[in-house]
Amino acid sequence: MIKFWNGNKSSTRQDYEYELLECLVRERQEETLIDNDLTDYPCAQDEGNVLENGCDILVTVAGNRKFAGKPLIEIKQPLCKGLLGWRLCIVATERVDEFENITLAQLKGKKLGVPATWVDAELFRANGFNVLEQGNLDDMLGWVQDGSVDFITLGANEAHDILAQNQHYSDVLSIEPTMAIYYPFPLVFYVNQQQEELAELLSQQLLEKKSQVAELFNHHYGDVIRQAALQKRRKLSLSNPLLSDDYHLLLEAYEPFVVE
């Protein structure tokens, strides 16, 4: 049994990341079952302790400081082609025009909402944004609606689905249609240090099953990539101080769906 912690993320990500793990371990000699733990931990410390508390594996963004100094095995192979780092802005529908030609400097002057414990908060602060880190995602959507925050950002892989799942906001919130914020933000496997065999298997299978992984990615995200129309958006680039230099080279190969 593989204990996979799959909480603190959107259902869109949960589905893809579970199926990805299932694909990679499918051909082990013994029958492999996955305990897909969807528990959400609102406390950052609790999230950071999941591996020490019995979890075998999880998916998180590389450089996540909740796991800094923790004994773990990091598999340095991006799992979602860097797509989570392409951020779409969620704004009040009545304010969409306000963001159409906004500059990066002007955007930094607005109040950006980030749910508590999301890694993005530290990244945006490091880039000079005015960040309110508080509550959960549903809270933030409500605060965008009532003007308590000016906007939030969601990954291009999940933004449309999240709004579709929150129909009560369909008339009052919109995805800003002209720009995308980009920062290097790869998703990777963190594996319990006691599971060296599992880590070796995943590293091997990610290479051997490249075509199957690509098919799975396209199955889950092909439509949302087309819907997001990233190639038609203005790209506002940020740095990611949480990320080690070796990831930047890896990510350069994973932007075939974007035209500058």
C-alpha atoms as a PDB file:
ATOM      1  CA  MET A   1       0.000   0.000   0.000  1.00  0.00           C
ATOM      2  CA  ILE A   2       1.340   3.416  -0.992  1.00  0.00           C
ATOM      3  CA  LYS A   3       0.146   6.218   1.285  1.00  0.00           C
ATOM      4  CA  PHE A   4      -0.272   9.216  -1.020  1.00  0.00           C
ATOM      5  CA  TRP A   5      -1.137  12.548   0.594  1.00  0.00           C
ATOM      6  CA  ASN A   6      -3.150  14.439  -2.020  1.00  0.00           C
ATOM      7  CA  GLY A   7      -4.757  17.244  -0.008  1.00  0.00           C
ATOM      8  CA  ASN A   8      -4.443  21.052   0.079  1.00  0.00           C
ATOM      9  CA  LYS A   9      -5.041  21.433  -3.653  1.00  0.00           C
ATOM     10  CA  SER A  10      -7.851  21.725  -6.199  1.00  0.00           C
ATOM     11  CA  SER A  11      -9.818  18.653  -7.282  1.00  0.00           C
ATOM     12  CA  THR A  12      -8.422  19.208 -10.790  1.00  0.00           C
ATOM     13  CA  ARG A  13      -4.910  18.665  -9.500  1.00  0.00           C
ATOM     14  CA  GLN A  14      -5.968  15.816  -7.221  1.00  0.00           C
ATOM     15  CA  ASP A  15      -7.390  13.842 -10.140  1.00  0.00           C
ATOM     16  CA  TYR A  16      -4.360  14.310 -12.382  1.00  0.00           C
ATOM     17  CA  GLU A  17      -1.745  13.649  -9.717  1.00  0.00           C
ATOM     18  CA  TYR A  18      -3.477  10.492  -8.479  1.00  0.00           C
ATOM     19  CA  GLU A  19      -3.786   9.097 -12.004  1.00  0.00           C
ATOM     20  CA  LEU A  20      -0.167  10.007 -12.713  1.00  0.00           C
ATOM     21  CA  LEU A  21       1.057   8.088  -9.665  1.00  0.00           C
ATOM     22  CA  GLU A  22      -1.204   5.181 -10.583  1.00  0.00           C
ATOM     23  CA  CYS A  23       0.253   5.117 -14.101  1.00  0.00           C
ATOM     24  CA  LEU A  24       3.825   5.106 -12.823  1.00  0.00           C
ATOM     25  CA  VAL A  25       3.432   2.267 -10.304  1.00  0.00           C
ATOM     26  CA  ARG A  26       0.995   0.151 -12.325  1.00  0.00           C
ATOM     27  CA  GLU A  27       3.511  -2.443 -13.482  1.00  0.00           C
ATOM     28  CA  ARG A  28       5.146  -3.334 -10.177  1.00  0.00           C
ATOM     29  CA  GLN A  29       5.395  -7.088  -9.678  1.00  0.00           C
ATOM     30  CA  GLU A  30       3.093  -7.113  -6.679  1.00  0.00           C
ATOM     31  CA  GLU A  31      -0.366  -5.598  -6.817  1.00  0.00           C
ATOM     32  CA  THR A  32      -0.045  -1.980  -5.739  1.00  0.00           C
ATOM     33  CA  LEU A  33      -2.835  -0.163  -3.940  1.00  0.00           C
ATOM     34  CA  ILE A  34      -2.785   3.579  -3.361  1.00  0.00           C
ATOM     35  CA  ASP A  35      -4.320   5.158  -0.277  1.00  0.00           C
ATOM     36  CA  ASN A  36      -5.402   8.486  -1.789  1.00  0.00           C
ATOM     37  CA  ASP A  37      -5.532  10.737   1.293  1.00  0.00           C
ATOM     38  CA  LEU A  38      -7.423  13.963   0.488  1.00  0.00           C
ATOM     39  CA  THR A  39      -7.123  15.443   3.985  1.00  0.00           C
ATOM     40  CA  ASP A  40      -6.685  19.233   3.986  1.00  0.00           C
ATOM     41  CA  TYR A  41      -4.322  20.743   6.555  1.00  0.00           C
ATOM     42  CA  PRO A  42      -5.029  24.445   7.168  1.00  0.00           C
ATOM     43  CA  CYS A  43      -1.930  24.681   9.384  1.00  0.00           C
ATOM     44  CA  ALA A  44       1.352  24.930   7.465  1.00  0.00           C
ATOM     45  CA  GLN A  45       3.219  23.008  10.172  1.00  0.00           C
ATOM     46  CA  ASP A  46       0.815  20.071   9.880  1.00  0.00           C
ATOM     47  CA  GLU A  47       1.305  19.982   6.121  1.00  0.00           C
ATOM     48  CA  GLY A  48       5.071  20.040   6.539  1.00  0.00           C
ATOM     49  CA  ASN A  49       4.934  17.037   8.874  1.00  0.00           C
ATOM     50  CA  VAL A  50       2.940  14.651   6.669  1.00  0.00           C
ATOM     51  CA  LEU A  51       5.951  12.587   5.593  1.00  0.00           C
ATOM     52  CA  GLU A  52       7.135  12.199   9.172  1.00  0.00           C
ATOM     53  CA  ASN A  53       3.611  11.161  10.167  1.00  0.00           C
ATOM     54  CA  GLY A  54       3.439   8.150   7.857  1.00  0.00           C
ATOM     55  CA  CYS A  55       2.846   9.490   4.349  1.00  0.00           C
ATOM     56  CA  ASP A  56       4.943   7.763   1.658  1.00  0.00           C
ATOM     57  CA  ILE A  57       4.692  10.330  -1.112  1.00  0.00           C
ATOM     58  CA  LEU A  58       3.148  13.665  -2.080  1.00  0.00           C
ATOM     59  CA  VAL A  59       3.225  16.185  -4.908  1.00  0.00           C
ATOM     60  CA  THR A  60       4.126  19.782  -4.158  1.00  0.00           C
ATOM     61  CA  VAL A  61       5.875  22.731  -5.776  1.00  0.00           C
ATOM     62  CA  ALA A  62       9.650  22.475  -5.812  1.00  0.00           C
ATOM     63  CA  GLY A  63      11.212  24.588  -3.085  1.00  0.00           C
ATOM     64  CA  ASN A  64       8.153  24.470  -0.806  1.00  0.00           C
ATOM     65  CA  ARG A  65       9.598  25.803   2.449  1.00  0.00           C
ATOM     66  CA  LYS A  66       7.111  23.894   4.568  1.00  0.00           C
ATOM     67  CA  PHE A  67       9.365  20.919   3.860  1.00  0.00           C
ATOM     68  CA  ALA A  68      12.687  22.746   4.227  1.00  0.00           C
ATOM     69  CA  GLY A  69      15.165  20.665   6.193  1.00  0.00           C
ATOM     70  CA  LYS A  70      12.849  17.668   6.271  1.00  0.00           C
ATOM     71  CA  PRO A  71      14.287  14.209   5.559  1.00  0.00           C
ATOM     72  CA  LEU A  72      12.863  13.371   2.124  1.00  0.00           C
ATOM     73  CA  ILE A  73      13.758  12.322  -1.403  1.00  0.00           C
ATOM     74  CA  GLU A  74      12.995  14.950  -4.055  1.00  0.00           C
ATOM     75  CA  ILE A  75      12.500  13.636  -7.585  1.00  0.00           C
ATOM     76  CA  LYS A  76      13.647  16.500  -9.792  1.00  0.00           C
ATOM     77  CA  GLN A  77      11.391  15.881 -12.759  1.00  0.00           C
ATOM     78  CA  PRO A  78       8.554  18.398 -13.348  1.00  0.00           C
ATOM     79  CA  LEU A  79       5.169  16.657 -13.377  1.00  0.00           C
ATOM     80  CA  CYS A  80       2.925  19.273 -14.992  1.00  0.00           C
ATOM     81  CA  LYS A  81       5.189  20.975 -17.563  1.00  0.00           C
ATOM     82  CA  GLY A  82       5.361  24.092 -15.396  1.00  0.00           C
ATOM     83  CA  LEU A  83       1.716  24.848 -16.147  1.00  0.00           C
ATOM     84  CA  LEU A  84       0.870  25.752 -12.541  1.00  0.00           C
ATOM     85  CA  GLY A  85       3.270  28.699 -12.864  1.00  0.00           C
ATOM     86  CA  TRP A  86       1.115  30.245 -15.587  1.00  0.00           C
ATOM     87  CA  ARG A  87      -1.300  32.225 -13.425  1.00  0.00           C
ATOM     88  CA  LEU A  88      -4.594  33.727 -14.549  1.00  0.00           C
ATOM     89  CA  CYS A  89      -6.075  36.621 -12.605  1.00  0.00           C
ATOM     90  CA  ILE A  90      -9.535  36.247 -11.081  1.00  0.00           C
ATOM     91  CA  VAL A  91     -11.223  39.636 -10.744  1.00  0.00           C
ATOM     92  CA  ALA A  92     -14.675  41.054 -10.142  1.00  0.00           C
ATOM     93  CA  THR A  93     -16.531  41.046 -13.462  1.00  0.00           C
ATOM     94  CA  GLU A  94     -17.414  44.712 -13.087  1.00  0.00           C
ATOM     95  CA  ARG A  95     -13.675  45.535 -12.828  1.00  0.00           C
ATOM     96  CA  VAL A  96     -12.326  43.533 -15.786  1.00  0.00           C
ATOM     97  CA  ASP A  97     -11.612  46.654 -17.870  1.00  0.00           C
ATOM     98  CA  GLU A  98      -9.489  48.026 -15.031  1.00  0.00           C
ATOM     99  CA  PHE A  99      -6.957  45.230 -15.562  1.00  0.00           C
ATOM    100  CA  GLU A 100      -6.888  45.120 -19.363  1.00  0.00           C
ATOM    101  CA  ASN A 101      -3.817  47.306 -19.950  1.00  0.00           C
ATOM    102  CA  ILE A 102      -2.383  47.253 -16.451  1.00  0.00           C
ATOM    103  CA  THR A 103       1.393  47.279 -16.042  1.00  0.00           C
ATOM    104  CA  LEU A 104       3.294  45.025 -13.678  1.00  0.00           C
ATOM    105  CA  ALA A 105       4.092  48.021 -11.471  1.00  0.00           C
ATOM    106  CA  GLN A 106       0.410  48.957 -11.282  1.00  0.00           C
ATOM    107  CA  LEU A 107      -0.567  45.363 -10.531  1.00  0.00           C
ATOM    108  CA  LYS A 108       1.856  45.309  -7.604  1.00  0.00           C
ATOM    109  CA  GLY A 109       0.008  48.300  -6.159  1.00  0.00           C
ATOM    110  CA  LYS A 110      -3.250  46.366  -5.915  1.00  0.00           C
ATOM    111  CA  LYS A 111      -4.145  43.975  -3.102  1.00  0.00           C
ATOM    112  CA  LEU A 112      -3.529  40.359  -4.075  1.00  0.00           C
ATOM    113  CA  GLY A 113      -5.326  37.657  -2.124  1.00  0.00           C
ATOM    114  CA  VAL A 114      -3.620  34.320  -1.438  1.00  0.00           C
ATOM    115  CA  PRO A 115      -5.250  31.604   0.703  1.00  0.00           C
ATOM    116  CA  ALA A 116      -3.422  30.740   3.915  1.00  0.00           C
ATOM    117  CA  THR A 117      -0.527  28.247   3.576  1.00  0.00           C
ATOM    118  CA  TRP A 118      -0.284  28.601  -0.235  1.00  0.00           C
ATOM    119  CA  VAL A 119       3.370  28.761  -1.328  1.00  0.00           C
ATOM    120  CA  ASP A 120       2.506  31.600  -3.724  1.00  0.00           C
ATOM    121  CA  ALA A 121       2.268  34.160  -0.910  1.00  0.00           C
ATOM    122  CA  GLU A 122       6.004  34.187  -0.193  1.00  0.00           C
ATOM    123  CA  LEU A 123       6.820  34.241  -3.894  1.00  0.00           C
ATOM    124  CA  PHE A 124       4.586  37.231  -4.600  1.00  0.00           C
ATOM    125  CA  ARG A 125       5.948  39.143  -1.591  1.00  0.00           C
ATOM    126  CA  ALA A 126       9.496  38.551  -2.837  1.00  0.00           C
ATOM    127  CA  ASN A 127       8.418  40.156  -6.134  1.00  0.00           C
ATOM    128  CA  GLY A 128       7.052  43.260  -4.409  1.00  0.00           C
ATOM    129  CA  PHE A 129       3.313  42.512  -4.375  1.00  0.00           C
ATOM    130  CA  ASN A 130       0.876  43.698  -1.707  1.00  0.00           C
ATOM    131  CA  VAL A 131      -0.324  40.309  -0.399  1.00  0.00           C
ATOM    132  CA  LEU A 132      -3.157  39.391   1.946  1.00  0.00           C
ATOM    133  CA  GLU A 133      -2.567  35.775   3.004  1.00  0.00           C
ATOM    134  CA  GLN A 134      -5.626  34.576   4.859  1.00  0.00           C
ATOM    135  CA  GLY A 135      -8.594  32.203   4.817  1.00  0.00           C
ATOM    136  CA  ASN A 136      -9.243  29.519   2.218  1.00  0.00           C
ATOM    137  CA  LEU A 137      -9.959  29.656  -1.496  1.00  0.00           C
ATOM    138  CA  ASP A 138     -13.703  30.104  -1.062  1.00  0.00           C
ATOM    139  CA  ASP A 139     -13.065  32.989   1.334  1.00  0.00           C
ATOM    140  CA  MET A 140     -10.801  34.614  -1.225  1.00  0.00           C
ATOM    141  CA  LEU A 141     -13.330  34.317  -4.033  1.00  0.00           C
ATOM    142  CA  GLY A 142     -15.840  36.084  -1.806  1.00  0.00           C
ATOM    143  CA  TRP A 143     -13.337  38.807  -0.951  1.00  0.00           C
ATOM    144  CA  VAL A 144     -12.631  39.431  -4.632  1.00  0.00           C
ATOM    145  CA  GLN A 145     -16.365  39.814  -5.132  1.00  0.00           C
ATOM    146  CA  ASP A 146     -16.805  42.344  -2.319  1.00  0.00           C
ATOM    147  CA  GLY A 147     -13.583  44.241  -3.026  1.00  0.00           C
ATOM    148  CA  SER A 148     -11.668  43.260   0.110  1.00  0.00           C
ATOM    149  CA  VAL A 149      -8.946  42.110  -2.286  1.00  0.00           C
ATOM    150  CA  ASP A 150      -8.503  43.254  -5.873  1.00  0.00           C
ATOM    151  CA  PHE A 151      -7.605  39.917  -7.443  1.00  0.00           C
ATOM    152  CA  ILE A 152      -6.314  36.409  -6.888  1.00  0.00           C
ATOM    153  CA  THR A 153      -4.352  34.170  -9.234  1.00  0.00           C
ATOM    154  CA  LEU A 154      -4.977  30.537 -10.113  1.00  0.00           C
ATOM    155  CA  GLY A 155      -2.958  28.158 -12.261  1.00  0.00           C
ATOM    156  CA  ALA A 156      -3.998  27.924 -15.891  1.00  0.00           C
ATOM    157  CA  ASN A 157      -4.518  24.206 -15.261  1.00  0.00           C
ATOM    158  CA  GLU A 158      -7.269  24.849 -12.715  1.00  0.00           C
ATOM    159  CA  ALA A 159      -8.716  28.370 -13.040  1.00  0.00           C
ATOM    160  CA  HIS A 160     -11.623  27.570 -15.374  1.00  0.00           C
ATOM    161  CA  ASP A 161     -12.577  24.427 -13.461  1.00  0.00           C
ATOM    162  CA  ILE A 162     -12.517  26.195 -10.094  1.00  0.00           C
ATOM    163  CA  LEU A 163     -14.873  28.915 -11.314  1.00  0.00           C
ATOM    164  CA  ALA A 164     -17.105  26.291 -12.944  1.00  0.00           C
ATOM    165  CA  GLN A 165     -17.292  24.440  -9.628  1.00  0.00           C
ATOM    166  CA  ASN A 166     -18.316  27.649  -7.847  1.00  0.00           C
ATOM    167  CA  GLN A 167     -21.403  28.546  -9.866  1.00  0.00           C
ATOM    168  CA  HIS A 168     -22.572  31.088  -7.285  1.00  0.00           C
ATOM    169  CA  TYR A 169     -19.710  33.319  -8.479  1.00  0.00           C
ATOM    170  CA  SER A 170     -20.323  32.826 -12.206  1.00  0.00           C
ATOM    171  CA  ASP A 171     -21.991  36.216 -12.722  1.00  0.00           C
ATOM    172  CA  VAL A 172     -19.727  38.255 -10.469  1.00  0.00           C
ATOM    173  CA  LEU A 173     -16.200  36.883 -11.021  1.00  0.00           C
ATOM    174  CA  SER A 174     -14.250  36.528 -14.269  1.00  0.00           C
ATOM    175  CA  ILE A 175     -10.886  35.394 -15.546  1.00  0.00           C
ATOM    176  CA  GLU A 176      -9.095  38.497 -16.822  1.00  0.00           C
ATOM    177  CA  PRO A 177      -8.768  37.738 -20.571  1.00  0.00           C
ATOM    178  CA  THR A 178      -5.640  39.605 -21.728  1.00  0.00           C
ATOM    179  CA  MET A 179      -2.691  38.729 -19.472  1.00  0.00           C
ATOM    180  CA  ALA A 180      -0.963  35.908 -17.631  1.00  0.00           C
ATOM    181  CA  ILE A 181       1.537  36.084 -14.803  1.00  0.00           C
ATOM    182  CA  TYR A 182       4.368  33.589 -15.159  1.00  0.00           C
ATOM    183  CA  TYR A 183       6.928  32.286 -12.699  1.00  0.00           C
ATOM    184  CA  PRO A 184       8.859  28.986 -12.626  1.00  0.00           C
ATOM    185  CA  PHE A 185       6.693  26.761 -10.411  1.00  0.00           C
ATOM    186  CA  PRO A 186       7.227  23.045 -11.123  1.00  0.00           C
ATOM    187  CA  LEU A 187       5.300  20.315  -9.339  1.00  0.00           C
ATOM    188  CA  VAL A 188       7.461  17.416  -8.168  1.00  0.00           C
ATOM    189  CA  PHE A 189       7.295  14.266  -6.070  1.00  0.00           C
ATOM    190  CA  TYR A 190       8.535  14.374  -2.481  1.00  0.00           C
ATOM    191  CA  VAL A 191       9.067  10.825  -1.211  1.00  0.00           C
ATOM    192  CA  ASN A 192       9.506   9.575   2.348  1.00  0.00           C
ATOM    193  CA  GLN A 193      13.204   8.896   2.950  1.00  0.00           C
ATOM    194  CA  GLN A 194      12.302   5.347   3.998  1.00  0.00           C
ATOM    195  CA  GLN A 195      10.882   4.674   0.521  1.00  0.00           C
ATOM    196  CA  GLU A 196      14.048   4.654  -1.580  1.00  0.00           C
ATOM    197  CA  GLU A 197      12.767   1.813  -3.760  1.00  0.00           C
ATOM    198  CA  LEU A 198       9.603   3.773  -4.577  1.00  0.00           C
ATOM    199  CA  ALA A 199      11.644   6.881  -5.407  1.00  0.00           C
ATOM    200  CA  GLU A 200      13.888   4.888  -7.742  1.00  0.00           C
ATOM    201  CA  LEU A 201      10.875   3.318  -9.442  1.00  0.00           C
ATOM    202  CA  LEU A 202       9.211   6.687 -10.036  1.00  0.00           C
ATOM    203  CA  SER A 203      12.395   8.258 -11.398  1.00  0.00           C
ATOM    204  CA  GLN A 204      12.780   5.358 -13.811  1.00  0.00           C
ATOM    205  CA  GLN A 205       9.138   5.240 -14.876  1.00  0.00           C
ATOM    206  CA  LEU A 206       8.948   8.989 -15.509  1.00  0.00           C
ATOM    207  CA  LEU A 207      11.641   8.467 -18.134  1.00  0.00           C
ATOM    208  CA  GLU A 208      10.368   5.183 -19.564  1.00  0.00           C
ATOM    209  CA  LYS A 209       6.722   6.263 -19.724  1.00  0.00           C
ATOM    210  CA  LYS A 210       7.201   9.719 -21.217  1.00  0.00           C
ATOM    211  CA  SER A 211       4.620   9.106 -23.937  1.00  0.00           C
ATOM    212  CA  GLN A 212       2.022   7.775 -21.481  1.00  0.00           C
ATOM    213  CA  VAL A 213       2.641  10.687 -19.118  1.00  0.00           C
ATOM    214  CA  ALA A 214       2.241  13.112 -22.036  1.00  0.00           C
ATOM    215  CA  GLU A 215      -1.051  11.466 -23.021  1.00  0.00           C
ATOM    216  CA  LEU A 216      -2.309  11.710 -19.448  1.00  0.00           C
ATOM    217  CA  PHE A 217      -1.304  15.381 -19.272  1.00  0.00           C
ATOM    218  CA  ASN A 218      -3.100  16.148 -22.538  1.00  0.00           C
ATOM    219  CA  HIS A 219      -6.177  14.227 -21.404  1.00  0.00           C
ATOM    220  CA  HIS A 220      -6.451  16.290 -18.225  1.00  0.00           C
ATOM    221  CA  TYR A 221      -5.163  19.656 -19.390  1.00  0.00           C
ATOM    222  CA  GLY A 222      -5.386  19.852 -23.185  1.00  0.00           C
ATOM    223  CA  ASP A 223      -8.781  21.562 -23.127  1.00  0.00           C
ATOM    224  CA  VAL A 224      -7.884  24.037 -20.382  1.00  0.00           C
ATOM    225  CA  ILE A 225      -4.662  25.000 -22.171  1.00  0.00           C
ATOM    226  CA  ARG A 226      -6.670  25.805 -25.298  1.00  0.00           C
ATOM    227  CA  GLN A 227      -9.302  27.579 -23.213  1.00  0.00           C
ATOM    228  CA  ALA A 228      -6.693  29.684 -21.422  1.00  0.00           C
ATOM    229  CA  ALA A 229      -5.230  30.827 -24.788  1.00  0.00           C
ATOM    230  CA  LEU A 230      -1.884  31.533 -23.145  1.00  0.00           C
ATOM    231  CA  GLN A 231      -0.207  32.327 -26.458  1.00  0.00           C
ATOM    232  CA  LYS A 232      -2.547  35.312 -26.917  1.00  0.00           C
ATOM    233  CA  ARG A 233      -1.960  36.826 -23.477  1.00  0.00           C
ATOM    234  CA  ARG A 234       0.544  39.419 -22.318  1.00  0.00           C
ATOM    235  CA  LYS A 235       3.129  37.614 -20.207  1.00  0.00           C
ATOM    236  CA  LEU A 236       4.180  39.323 -16.965  1.00  0.00           C
ATOM    237  CA  SER A 237       7.227  37.451 -15.682  1.00  0.00           C
ATOM    238  CA  LEU A 238       8.231  37.112 -12.030  1.00  0.00           C
ATOM    239  CA  SER A 239      11.181  35.423 -10.358  1.00  0.00           C
ATOM    240  CA  ASN A 240      10.907  32.473  -7.992  1.00  0.00           C
ATOM    241  CA  PRO A 241      13.490  32.804  -5.193  1.00  0.00           C
ATOM    242  CA  LEU A 242      12.346  29.475  -3.722  1.00  0.00           C
ATOM    243  CA  LEU A 243      13.578  27.497  -6.721  1.00  0.00           C
ATOM    244  CA  SER A 244      17.060  26.044  -7.214  1.00  0.00           C
ATOM    245  CA  ASP A 245      18.842  26.942 -10.455  1.00  0.00           C
ATOM    246  CA  ASP A 246      18.770  23.430 -11.902  1.00  0.00           C
ATOM    247  CA  TYR A 247      14.993  23.590 -12.308  1.00  0.00           C
ATOM    248  CA  HIS A 248      15.146  26.546 -14.678  1.00  0.00           C
ATOM    249  CA  LEU A 249      16.898  24.453 -17.329  1.00  0.00           C
ATOM    250  CA  LEU A 250      14.414  21.616 -16.857  1.00  0.00           C
ATOM    251  CA  LEU A 251      11.462  23.959 -17.341  1.00  0.00           C
ATOM    252  CA  GLU A 252      12.786  25.442 -20.577  1.00  0.00           C
ATOM    253  CA  ALA A 253      11.840  22.206 -22.311  1.00  0.00           C
ATOM    254  CA  TYR A 254       8.283  22.322 -20.978  1.00  0.00           C
ATOM    255  CA  GLU A 255       6.707  25.333 -22.662  1.00  0.00           C
ATOM    256  CA  PRO A 256       5.613  23.993 -26.057  1.00  0.00           C
ATOM    257  CA  PHE A 257       2.054  25.164 -25.418  1.00  0.00           C
ATOM    258  CA  VAL A 258       3.083  28.815 -25.063  1.00  0.00           C
ATOM    259  CA  VAL A 259       4.161  31.240 -27.745  1.00  0.00           C
ATOM    260  CA  GLU A 260       5.915  34.329 -26.394  1.00  0.00           C
END
